[in-house]
Amino acid sequence: MSDFDLAIVGGGINGAGIARDAAGRGLRVLLVEQNDLASGTSSASTKLIHGGLRYLEHGWLRLVREALIEREVLLRMAPHLIRPMRFVLPVEPAMRPRWMLRLGLFVYDHLGGRKLLPATRAVDLAEGPLGAPLKGRYQHGFEYSDCWVDDARLVVLNAVDAAARGAIIRTRTRCVRVERGADWRLVLEVRGRRDVMSASVLVNATGPWVGAFSETVLRRPPSGNVRLIAGSHIVVRRLFEHDRAYIFQAPDGRVVFAIPFEHEFTMIGTTDHDFSGDPAKVEASAEEVGYLCKIATDHFRTPVFPADVIWSFAGVRPLHEDGGQADEKPQDTPRDYVLELDRVANEAPLLTVYGGKITTYRRLAEEAYEKLAPVFGARPDWTKGAPLPGGDFDVDGIERLIAGLRLSYPFLSEGHARRLARAYGTRVRDILASAKSLGDLGPNLGADLTAAEVRYLMTQEWAQTPDDVLWRRTKLGLRVSRDERARLSSFMTDAVGGLGVGTGQPDR
């Protein structure tokens, strides 16, 4: 008998989502990730749960409809990580006319059975706060709904829930070799040590490494056509005071978002260009930074220059090509996912995940199990109505949660309480416990990060390095100094022995 029913390689949103779904159906699940959870594409998104308004022009109606349906499913599942956001779309003179935008937004409002989010409305940009930050040429626009998400935490909490349901999550663990027989034999490398595990089914959910993993570890060429597309974002000081986001039509046919980010900042993105090389080394190029600055300067009254960029990040999206035109632009390549099951007589099955987007990860996981049902038997879907850890409160209850937190822990500032509630939801009390003062949470390690929170992240969420804490579990990297980062690093190093933190399971 194999050690596991399902071995998943890849700790991004698809791998974590499949692990959660399968563990909740009673399968013995192993997930291995060569780095940290969400350390690749899944932490480098535009951080939106959306249908993809511009996809309507390409006729990708099935993808848009599925994403729009999932938008409200995920909002109910994780009301701490996901929040509604209104987007302002200015009517650009000499580009898509008002009637076309109005028609597209009408379809967008009705295609997915919207219930929770408010409908589109026309807005006057000549006067009022929505038009004030923009160049004077804008007179009219529309405001529509989508959602914002903390993408990396979405991945982590899927893994946390998978572990709570019995899955084994091993980060900083590289799958270096596999042998295929009646079962899969996996050779795993971690900290210079090699382990051997076996599984009935192997899932290649390595994202932009899907082809490289097939060739170097599986020792077979990938059967699907994967196009690697790099996208970059920049973060600058806040360009406007209100809580809406903007979506701009660029002259090259793309759309670029300007989104409120971490209260004090504006995030601008994304770009699209073909990528080759190691996805772990992708960075926002000077050309891409310049492009995003120019788009922002073309639309906002306040110019944006590369010197204004506080942080930039980039990710590589693995898009599945469906045999389109050879000269097809990157932004025109479909964002849909493809699941390929390879079943050979007398050999263990292989499931390969191509493409996908954060908004549809839960449905992808369900479809993955549907593919595997002939192997494991039919088992009912369950994730649609099951909240993620900390999300067990009303979809509109975040403000009540924050108020209750401040009542129970009056030493928390409003901003600190809000950040904790948004990150951990109802589980924030596992961090704060019986604390009566900030001092009870241990030393301050930068911004409002306390030792108690870091210990929680190390023991419950697999955090092992400062980057894990500052950029993926939180975004406090925007606020900590170099000295504070060094202090955090020292604290985590000292804590490893005392906490017993390794690459295994959270301390339940």
Protein backbone atom coordinates (compact mmCIF):
# COMPACT_ATOMS: atom_id res chain seq x y z
CA MET A 1 0.00 0.00 0.00
CA SER A 2 1.31 3.46 -0.89
CA ASP A 3 2.10 6.06 1.76
CA PHE A 4 -0.39 8.53 0.20
CA ASP A 5 -3.34 8.45 -2.15
CA LEU A 6 -2.35 11.76 -3.73
CA ALA A 7 1.04 13.47 -3.97
CA ILE A 8 0.91 17.07 -5.18
CA VAL A 9 4.02 18.90 -6.33
CA GLY A 10 3.60 22.67 -6.16
CA GLY A 11 2.46 24.89 -3.30
CA GLY A 12 0.74 27.64 -5.25
CA ILE A 13 -2.98 28.28 -5.31
CA ASN A 14 -3.79 25.28 -7.51
CA GLY A 15 -1.74 22.82 -5.50
CA ALA A 16 -3.04 24.10 -2.16
CA GLY A 17 -6.60 24.13 -3.45
CA ILE A 18 -6.38 20.56 -4.72
CA ALA A 19 -4.82 19.45 -1.42
CA ARG A 20 -7.65 21.01 0.59
CA ASP A 21 -10.37 19.57 -1.63
CA ALA A 22 -8.89 16.07 -1.69
CA ALA A 23 -8.11 15.97 2.05
CA GLY A 24 -11.68 17.00 2.79
CA ARG A 25 -12.88 14.02 0.75
CA GLY A 26 -10.88 11.67 2.94
CA LEU A 27 -7.81 11.10 0.76
CA ARG A 28 -4.32 10.78 2.23
CA VAL A 29 -2.60 13.82 0.73
CA LEU A 30 1.01 14.93 0.52
CA LEU A 31 1.89 18.39 -0.84
CA VAL A 32 5.52 19.33 -1.44
CA GLU A 33 6.79 22.80 -2.37
CA GLN A 34 10.40 23.57 -3.25
CA ASN A 35 10.26 27.02 -1.61
CA ASP A 36 7.60 28.71 0.51
CA LEU A 37 3.88 28.46 -0.11
CA ALA A 38 2.78 31.05 -2.71
CA SER A 39 6.40 31.99 -3.36
CA GLY A 40 5.89 32.07 -7.14
CA THR A 41 3.05 33.27 -9.33
CA SER A 42 0.42 33.03 -6.61
CA SER A 43 1.86 35.94 -4.64
CA ALA A 44 2.55 38.08 -7.72
CA SER A 45 -0.97 38.56 -9.04
CA THR A 46 -2.99 41.76 -9.37
CA LYS A 47 -4.76 40.48 -6.24
CA LEU A 48 -8.24 40.48 -7.73
CA ILE A 49 -11.10 38.03 -7.51
CA HIS A 50 -12.82 38.97 -10.75
CA GLY A 51 -14.47 37.71 -13.87
CA GLY A 52 -12.08 39.49 -16.20
CA LEU A 53 -13.96 42.31 -17.87
CA ARG A 54 -11.61 42.50 -20.85
CA TYR A 55 -12.04 38.78 -21.49
CA LEU A 56 -15.52 39.51 -22.83
CA GLU A 57 -13.95 41.06 -25.94
CA HIS A 58 -12.26 37.75 -26.66
CA GLY A 59 -15.52 35.84 -26.34
CA TRP A 60 -14.32 33.81 -23.34
CA LEU A 61 -17.84 33.74 -21.93
CA ARG A 62 -17.57 30.37 -20.19
CA LEU A 63 -14.42 31.45 -18.33
CA VAL A 64 -15.93 34.81 -17.38
CA ARG A 65 -19.18 33.23 -16.19
CA GLU A 66 -17.38 30.62 -14.07
CA ALA A 67 -15.14 33.30 -12.56
CA LEU A 68 -18.07 35.60 -11.80
CA ILE A 69 -19.92 32.78 -10.03
CA GLU A 70 -16.80 31.90 -8.05
CA ARG A 71 -16.29 35.55 -7.10
CA GLU A 72 -19.21 35.46 -4.66
CA VAL A 73 -18.53 31.88 -3.55
CA LEU A 74 -15.01 32.90 -2.47
CA LEU A 75 -16.24 36.12 -0.87
CA ARG A 76 -18.50 34.04 1.39
CA MET A 77 -15.70 31.55 2.10
CA ALA A 78 -13.11 34.13 3.12
CA PRO A 79 -14.68 37.48 4.06
CA HIS A 80 -11.50 38.39 5.97
CA LEU A 81 -9.15 37.91 2.99
CA ILE A 82 -11.53 39.01 0.26
CA ARG A 83 -13.45 42.27 0.16
CA PRO A 84 -15.70 43.96 -2.38
CA MET A 85 -14.11 46.76 -4.36
CA ARG A 86 -15.58 49.27 -6.80
CA PHE A 87 -13.68 49.97 -10.02
CA VAL A 88 -13.90 53.20 -11.98
CA LEU A 89 -13.61 52.81 -15.75
CA PRO A 90 -13.18 56.21 -17.44
CA VAL A 91 -14.53 56.61 -20.95
CA GLU A 92 -11.40 57.23 -22.99
CA PRO A 93 -11.88 59.64 -25.90
CA ALA A 94 -11.14 57.99 -29.25
CA MET A 95 -11.14 54.48 -27.77
CA ARG A 96 -13.99 52.11 -26.84
CA PRO A 97 -17.21 54.18 -27.04
CA ARG A 98 -19.59 54.61 -24.10
CA TRP A 99 -22.23 52.32 -25.58
CA MET A 100 -19.72 49.48 -25.92
CA LEU A 101 -18.53 49.85 -22.34
CA ARG A 102 -22.10 50.05 -21.08
CA LEU A 103 -23.03 46.88 -22.98
CA GLY A 104 -19.98 44.99 -21.72
CA LEU A 105 -20.69 45.98 -18.14
CA PHE A 106 -24.35 44.98 -18.48
CA VAL A 107 -23.24 41.50 -19.54
CA TYR A 108 -20.65 41.45 -16.74
CA ASP A 109 -23.32 42.32 -14.18
CA HIS A 110 -25.69 39.57 -15.27
CA LEU A 111 -23.57 36.71 -16.62
CA GLY A 112 -22.63 35.24 -13.25
CA GLY A 113 -25.80 35.69 -11.23
CA ARG A 114 -24.49 38.52 -9.08
CA LYS A 115 -26.22 38.71 -5.68
CA LEU A 116 -23.91 40.25 -3.09
CA LEU A 117 -22.18 42.99 -5.06
CA PRO A 118 -23.73 46.27 -6.22
CA ALA A 119 -24.46 46.81 -9.91
CA THR A 120 -22.71 49.06 -12.40
CA ARG A 121 -23.57 52.75 -12.45
CA ALA A 122 -22.55 55.69 -14.59
CA VAL A 123 -20.36 58.30 -12.88
CA ASP A 124 -19.64 61.95 -13.63
CA LEU A 125 -15.87 62.44 -13.74
CA ALA A 126 -16.05 66.14 -14.51
CA GLU A 127 -16.89 66.80 -10.85
CA GLY A 128 -16.55 64.92 -7.59
CA PRO A 129 -13.87 62.85 -5.87
CA LEU A 130 -13.70 60.05 -8.46
CA GLY A 131 -12.65 62.39 -11.24
CA ALA A 132 -10.49 64.69 -9.13
CA PRO A 133 -7.25 62.62 -9.37
CA LEU A 134 -7.63 62.19 -13.16
CA LYS A 135 -6.55 64.29 -16.09
CA GLY A 136 -9.11 66.87 -17.17
CA ARG A 137 -10.07 65.12 -20.41
CA TYR A 138 -12.33 62.67 -18.59
CA GLN A 139 -15.98 63.60 -18.38
CA HIS A 140 -17.79 60.28 -18.10
CA GLY A 141 -17.16 56.84 -16.73
CA PHE A 142 -18.66 53.78 -15.11
CA GLU A 143 -18.27 52.18 -11.71
CA TYR A 144 -18.61 48.41 -11.36
CA SER A 145 -17.91 45.72 -8.77
CA ASP A 146 -15.24 43.07 -8.32
CA CYS A 147 -13.25 41.88 -5.30
CA TRP A 148 -9.75 42.31 -3.89
CA VAL A 149 -7.86 39.42 -2.26
CA ASP A 150 -4.70 38.87 -0.26
CA ASP A 151 -3.47 36.28 -2.74
CA ALA A 152 -0.62 34.73 -0.75
CA ARG A 153 -2.72 34.34 2.38
CA LEU A 154 -5.42 32.68 0.31
CA VAL A 155 -2.87 30.02 -0.63
CA VAL A 156 -1.60 29.63 2.92
CA LEU A 157 -5.08 29.24 4.42
CA ASN A 158 -5.99 26.58 1.86
CA ALA A 159 -2.89 24.70 3.02
CA VAL A 160 -3.77 25.29 6.69
CA ASP A 161 -7.24 23.83 6.12
CA ALA A 162 -5.81 20.92 4.13
CA ALA A 163 -3.45 20.14 7.03
CA ALA A 164 -6.32 20.35 9.52
CA ARG A 165 -8.07 17.70 7.41
CA GLY A 166 -5.06 15.39 7.47
CA ALA A 167 -2.88 16.50 4.57
CA ILE A 168 0.89 16.59 5.03
CA ILE A 169 2.35 19.92 3.83
CA ARG A 170 6.11 20.03 3.32
CA THR A 171 7.67 23.31 2.29
CA ARG A 172 11.32 23.83 1.30
CA THR A 173 11.11 20.28 -0.05
CA ARG A 174 12.13 19.54 -3.62
CA CYS A 175 10.88 16.55 -5.56
CA VAL A 176 14.07 15.57 -7.39
CA ARG A 177 13.15 12.23 -8.87
CA VAL A 178 10.13 10.02 -9.47
CA GLU A 179 9.70 6.44 -10.59
CA ARG A 180 6.46 5.30 -12.10
CA GLY A 181 5.12 1.84 -11.51
CA ALA A 182 1.93 0.57 -9.95
CA ASP A 183 2.52 3.47 -7.56
CA TRP A 184 4.66 6.59 -7.76
CA ARG A 185 7.96 6.54 -5.88
CA LEU A 186 9.04 10.10 -5.04
CA VAL A 187 12.52 11.10 -3.95
CA LEU A 188 12.32 14.29 -1.88
CA GLU A 189 15.25 16.48 -0.93
CA VAL A 190 15.15 18.77 2.09
CA ARG A 191 18.09 20.36 3.89
CA GLY A 192 20.52 18.00 2.20
CA ARG A 193 18.57 14.92 3.28
CA ARG A 194 16.64 12.66 0.96
CA ASP A 195 13.33 10.99 1.81
CA VAL A 196 11.37 8.48 -0.24
CA MET A 197 7.57 8.51 -0.33
CA SER A 198 5.03 6.64 -2.44
CA ALA A 199 1.65 7.73 -3.79
CA SER A 200 -1.14 6.24 -5.87
CA VAL A 201 -1.53 9.39 -7.99
CA LEU A 202 0.87 12.25 -8.75
CA VAL A 203 -0.30 15.80 -9.49
CA ASN A 204 2.02 18.19 -11.32
CA ALA A 205 0.78 21.58 -10.08
CA THR A 206 4.10 23.37 -10.47
CA GLY A 207 2.71 26.38 -12.35
CA PRO A 208 5.36 27.99 -14.55
CA TRP A 209 7.68 25.05 -13.79
CA VAL A 210 5.20 22.57 -15.28
CA GLY A 211 7.29 21.96 -18.39
CA ALA A 212 10.63 21.89 -16.57
CA PHE A 213 9.29 19.42 -13.99
CA SER A 214 7.98 17.17 -16.76
CA GLU A 215 11.31 17.16 -18.57
CA THR A 216 13.75 16.96 -15.66
CA VAL A 217 11.88 14.98 -12.99
CA LEU A 218 9.25 13.02 -14.88
CA ARG A 219 11.75 12.63 -17.74
CA ARG A 220 9.13 13.11 -20.42
CA PRO A 221 8.22 16.11 -22.57
CA PRO A 222 5.05 17.96 -21.52
CA SER A 223 2.16 17.06 -23.75
CA GLY A 224 0.50 20.46 -23.36
CA ASN A 225 1.66 23.69 -24.95
CA VAL A 226 2.56 26.18 -22.25
CA ARG A 227 3.24 29.84 -22.90
CA LEU A 228 5.06 31.60 -20.07
CA ILE A 229 3.91 35.21 -19.70
CA ALA A 230 5.57 37.57 -17.23
CA GLY A 231 3.58 40.33 -15.59
CA SER A 232 4.90 43.11 -13.38
CA HIS A 233 3.41 45.54 -10.86
CA ILE A 234 4.70 48.63 -9.13
CA VAL A 235 3.73 50.17 -5.78
CA VAL A 236 3.92 53.94 -5.18
CA ARG A 237 2.68 56.32 -2.53
CA ARG A 238 -1.09 56.80 -2.55
CA LEU A 239 -2.28 58.64 -5.65
CA PHE A 240 -5.85 59.25 -4.47
CA GLU A 241 -7.73 59.41 -1.18
CA HIS A 242 -10.88 57.36 -1.83
CA ASP A 243 -11.28 53.57 -1.68
CA ARG A 244 -12.13 52.91 -5.35
CA ALA A 245 -9.74 51.41 -7.88
CA TYR A 246 -9.26 52.51 -11.49
CA ILE A 247 -9.08 50.45 -14.65
CA PHE A 248 -7.49 52.26 -17.60
CA GLN A 249 -7.55 51.43 -21.28
CA ALA A 250 -4.00 51.52 -22.63
CA PRO A 251 -3.22 52.42 -26.26
CA ASP A 252 -1.77 48.94 -26.89
CA GLY A 253 -5.11 47.31 -26.11
CA ARG A 254 -4.24 46.24 -22.58
CA VAL A 255 -5.94 47.37 -19.41
CA VAL A 256 -3.97 48.59 -16.41
CA PHE A 257 -5.29 48.78 -12.85
CA ALA A 258 -4.50 51.35 -10.16
CA ILE A 259 -5.63 49.87 -6.86
CA PRO A 260 -5.57 51.12 -3.25
CA PHE A 261 -2.94 49.02 -1.49
CA GLU A 262 -2.13 48.67 2.19
CA HIS A 263 -3.81 52.00 3.07
CA GLU A 264 -0.86 54.25 2.22
CA PHE A 265 -0.03 53.04 -1.29
CA THR A 266 -1.31 52.51 -4.82
CA MET A 267 -0.52 49.34 -6.78
CA ILE A 268 -0.33 49.67 -10.59
CA GLY A 269 -0.27 46.76 -13.02
CA THR A 270 0.08 44.60 -14.90
CA THR A 271 2.23 44.03 -17.97
CA ASP A 272 2.31 41.05 -20.33
CA HIS A 273 5.33 39.76 -22.21
CA ASP A 274 6.73 36.38 -23.15
CA PHE A 275 9.22 34.92 -20.70
CA SER A 276 11.99 32.35 -20.88
CA GLY A 277 14.36 31.27 -18.15
CA ASP A 278 13.93 30.42 -14.48
CA PRO A 279 10.57 31.74 -13.19
CA ALA A 280 12.13 32.11 -9.73
CA LYS A 281 14.36 34.87 -11.07
CA VAL A 282 11.73 37.00 -12.79
CA GLU A 283 11.84 40.70 -11.91
CA ALA A 284 10.09 43.85 -13.07
CA SER A 285 12.36 45.24 -15.78
CA ALA A 286 13.19 48.91 -16.15
CA GLU A 287 11.16 48.89 -19.36
CA GLU A 288 8.08 47.49 -17.59
CA VAL A 289 8.41 49.92 -14.70
CA GLY A 290 8.67 52.75 -17.21
CA TYR A 291 5.60 51.49 -19.07
CA LEU A 292 3.47 51.40 -15.90
CA CYS A 293 4.72 54.82 -14.81
CA LYS A 294 3.79 56.23 -18.21
CA ILE A 295 0.28 54.73 -18.11
CA ALA A 296 -0.23 56.23 -14.64
CA THR A 297 1.13 59.62 -15.73
CA ASP A 298 -1.10 59.60 -18.80
CA HIS A 299 -4.18 59.22 -16.61
CA PHE A 300 -3.48 60.88 -13.25
CA ARG A 301 -2.86 64.55 -12.63
CA THR A 302 0.08 63.58 -10.43
CA PRO A 303 2.91 62.23 -12.60
CA VAL A 304 4.57 58.97 -11.62
CA PHE A 305 8.26 58.38 -12.24
CA PRO A 306 10.44 55.29 -11.74
CA ALA A 307 12.08 57.04 -8.79
CA ASP A 308 8.65 57.06 -7.07
CA VAL A 309 8.42 53.25 -7.08
CA ILE A 310 8.68 51.90 -3.54
CA TRP A 311 8.32 48.24 -4.45
CA SER A 312 7.96 46.24 -7.64
CA PHE A 313 7.21 42.58 -8.14
CA ALA A 314 6.72 40.21 -11.05
CA GLY A 315 5.36 36.75 -11.64
CA VAL A 316 5.22 34.27 -14.49
CA ARG A 317 1.82 32.99 -15.59
CA PRO A 318 1.76 29.57 -17.27
CA LEU A 319 -0.94 29.92 -19.93
CA HIS A 320 -2.17 26.95 -21.91
CA GLU A 321 -2.04 27.58 -25.63
CA ASP A 322 -4.90 26.15 -27.65
CA GLY A 323 -3.32 26.32 -31.09
CA GLY A 324 -4.06 30.01 -31.72
CA GLN A 325 -2.16 32.28 -34.05
CA ALA A 326 1.64 32.15 -33.75
CA ASP A 327 1.80 35.95 -33.46
CA GLU A 328 -0.97 36.15 -30.85
CA LYS A 329 -0.28 38.85 -28.27
CA PRO A 330 0.37 37.67 -24.71
CA GLN A 331 -2.76 39.42 -23.43
CA ASP A 332 -4.82 37.53 -26.02
CA THR A 333 -3.76 34.05 -24.81
CA PRO A 334 -6.67 32.35 -22.97
CA ARG A 335 -6.54 32.38 -19.14
CA ASP A 336 -8.49 29.14 -18.85
CA TYR A 337 -7.09 26.02 -17.22
CA VAL A 338 -6.63 22.53 -18.64
CA LEU A 339 -6.39 19.34 -16.57
CA GLU A 340 -4.75 16.41 -18.31
CA LEU A 341 -5.00 12.93 -16.81
CA ASP A 342 -2.50 10.38 -18.07
CA ARG A 343 -3.64 6.84 -17.30
CA VAL A 344 -1.64 3.92 -18.61
CA ALA A 345 -2.37 0.28 -17.93
CA ASN A 346 -0.48 -1.06 -14.91
CA GLU A 347 1.00 2.38 -14.14
CA ALA A 348 0.01 4.99 -11.60
CA PRO A 349 -1.97 7.97 -12.97
CA LEU A 350 -0.49 11.43 -13.53
CA LEU A 351 -2.59 14.60 -13.43
CA THR A 352 -1.04 17.72 -14.94
CA VAL A 353 -2.43 21.20 -14.29
CA TYR A 354 -2.00 23.79 -17.02
CA GLY A 355 -2.95 27.44 -16.59
CA GLY A 356 -5.60 28.69 -14.22
CA LYS A 357 -6.22 31.87 -12.27
CA ILE A 358 -6.76 32.60 -8.60
CA THR A 359 -10.48 33.30 -9.00
CA THR A 360 -11.24 29.83 -10.36
CA TYR A 361 -8.87 27.76 -8.22
CA ARG A 362 -11.67 26.15 -6.18
CA ARG A 363 -13.51 24.95 -9.27
CA LEU A 364 -10.22 23.72 -10.71
CA ALA A 365 -9.74 21.63 -7.57
CA GLU A 366 -13.23 20.18 -7.90
CA GLU A 367 -12.62 19.32 -11.53
CA ALA A 368 -9.30 17.74 -10.59
CA TYR A 369 -11.14 15.34 -8.32
CA GLU A 370 -13.72 14.66 -11.01
CA LYS A 371 -10.82 13.56 -13.21
CA LEU A 372 -9.59 11.27 -10.45
CA ALA A 373 -13.00 9.87 -9.47
CA PRO A 374 -12.43 6.70 -11.56
CA VAL A 375 -9.37 6.04 -9.38
CA PHE A 376 -10.71 6.92 -5.93
CA GLY A 377 -14.46 6.63 -6.42
CA ALA A 378 -17.15 9.31 -6.39
CA ARG A 379 -17.10 11.47 -3.27
CA PRO A 380 -19.30 14.54 -2.79
CA ASP A 381 -18.07 18.09 -3.40
CA TRP A 382 -17.81 20.03 -0.14
CA THR A 383 -15.74 23.23 -0.47
CA LYS A 384 -18.40 25.57 -1.86
CA GLY A 385 -20.04 26.20 1.51
CA ALA A 386 -17.05 25.63 3.79
CA PRO A 387 -15.28 28.77 5.05
CA LEU A 388 -11.52 28.98 5.02
CA PRO A 389 -9.80 29.15 8.45
CA GLY A 390 -10.84 32.36 10.20
CA GLY A 391 -13.63 33.05 7.71
CA ASP A 392 -16.47 31.66 9.80
CA PHE A 393 -18.43 34.91 10.10
CA ASP A 394 -20.99 36.79 8.04
CA VAL A 395 -19.90 38.04 4.65
CA ASP A 396 -20.56 41.62 5.78
CA GLY A 397 -19.27 41.12 9.31
CA ILE A 398 -15.66 42.30 9.16
CA GLU A 399 -16.37 45.65 10.84
CA ARG A 400 -18.19 43.88 13.68
CA LEU A 401 -15.25 41.53 14.04
CA ILE A 402 -12.83 44.47 14.26
CA ALA A 403 -15.02 46.28 16.78
CA GLY A 404 -15.26 43.15 18.94
CA LEU A 405 -11.52 42.72 18.76
CA ARG A 406 -10.88 46.24 19.99
CA LEU A 407 -13.38 45.76 22.77
CA SER A 408 -11.65 42.59 23.96
CA TYR A 409 -8.14 43.95 23.41
CA PRO A 410 -8.38 47.74 23.95
CA PHE A 411 -4.60 48.15 23.70
CA LEU A 412 -4.78 47.48 19.94
CA SER A 413 -4.89 50.54 17.69
CA GLU A 414 -7.61 50.64 15.06
CA GLY A 415 -5.07 49.99 12.31
CA HIS A 416 -3.45 47.10 14.14
CA ALA A 417 -6.78 45.46 14.91
CA ARG A 418 -7.90 45.88 11.30
CA ARG A 419 -4.74 44.31 9.91
CA LEU A 420 -4.97 41.34 12.24
CA ALA A 421 -8.68 40.79 11.57
CA ARG A 422 -8.14 40.99 7.81
CA ALA A 423 -5.29 38.49 7.95
CA TYR A 424 -6.55 35.96 10.50
CA GLY A 425 -10.29 36.52 10.85
CA THR A 426 -11.72 34.77 13.89
CA ARG A 427 -8.40 32.98 14.46
CA VAL A 428 -6.75 36.20 15.57
CA ARG A 429 -7.58 35.24 19.14
CA ASP A 430 -5.17 32.32 18.78
CA ILE A 431 -2.44 34.96 18.50
CA LEU A 432 -3.68 37.41 21.11
CA ALA A 433 -4.87 34.77 23.61
CA SER A 434 -5.11 36.30 27.10
CA ALA A 435 -2.92 39.33 26.42
CA LYS A 436 -3.79 42.39 28.49
CA SER A 437 -1.26 44.74 26.90
CA LEU A 438 1.01 45.00 23.88
CA GLY A 439 3.86 43.96 26.13
CA ASP A 440 2.18 40.61 26.66
CA LEU A 441 2.63 39.92 22.91
CA GLY A 442 6.39 40.05 23.24
CA PRO A 443 8.96 42.31 21.55
CA ASN A 444 7.96 44.56 18.68
CA LEU A 445 9.79 43.37 15.54
CA GLY A 446 8.93 46.26 13.24
CA ALA A 447 5.78 48.21 12.32
CA ASP A 448 3.08 46.52 14.45
CA LEU A 449 4.55 43.02 14.10
CA THR A 450 4.86 41.29 17.47
CA ALA A 451 6.74 38.21 18.60
CA ALA A 452 3.42 36.47 19.31
CA GLU A 453 2.33 36.89 15.69
CA VAL A 454 5.66 35.66 14.34
CA ARG A 455 5.56 32.60 16.60
CA TYR A 456 2.06 31.85 15.33
CA LEU A 457 3.20 32.15 11.70
CA MET A 458 6.15 29.87 12.33
CA THR A 459 4.20 27.16 14.16
CA GLN A 460 0.88 27.34 12.30
CA GLU A 461 1.65 28.64 8.81
CA TRP A 462 5.09 27.27 7.86
CA ALA A 463 6.89 30.64 7.92
CA GLN A 464 10.65 30.11 8.10
CA THR A 465 12.27 33.32 6.80
CA PRO A 466 11.70 37.07 7.11
CA ASP A 467 10.37 37.17 3.54
CA ASP A 468 7.78 34.53 4.42
CA VAL A 469 6.52 36.83 7.18
CA LEU A 470 7.02 40.28 5.64
CA TRP A 471 5.84 39.66 2.07
CA ARG A 472 3.65 36.55 1.97
CA ARG A 473 1.97 36.22 5.40
CA THR A 474 1.79 40.02 5.68
CA LYS A 475 2.85 43.01 3.57
CA LEU A 476 4.78 44.63 6.38
CA GLY A 477 7.88 44.58 4.20
CA LEU A 478 6.61 47.95 2.98
CA ARG A 479 6.99 49.39 6.46
CA VAL A 480 9.93 47.77 8.24
CA SER A 481 13.45 49.18 8.19
CA ARG A 482 16.61 47.25 7.40
CA ASP A 483 17.48 47.11 11.10
CA GLU A 484 14.01 45.81 11.97
CA ARG A 485 14.29 43.13 9.30
CA ALA A 486 17.62 42.05 10.78
CA ARG A 487 16.02 41.91 14.22
CA LEU A 488 13.21 39.75 12.85
CA SER A 489 15.73 37.42 11.23
CA SER A 490 17.60 37.00 14.50
CA PHE A 491 14.38 36.38 16.40
CA MET A 492 13.27 33.69 13.93
CA THR A 493 16.65 31.99 14.00
CA ASP A 494 16.65 31.91 17.79
CA ALA A 495 13.03 30.73 17.88
CA VAL A 496 13.49 27.71 15.61
CA GLY A 497 14.92 25.46 18.30
CA GLY A 498 12.57 26.54 21.03
CA LEU A 499 9.46 26.23 18.87
CA GLY A 500 10.50 22.98 17.22
CA VAL A 501 9.76 24.48 13.82
CA GLY A 502 10.74 22.38 10.82
CA THR A 503 9.20 21.43 7.52
CA GLY A 504 6.38 19.35 8.94
CA GLN A 505 2.90 20.16 10.12
CA PRO A 506 1.58 23.11 12.11
CA ASP A 507 1.55 22.53 15.83
CA ARG A 508 -2.09 21.70 16.43
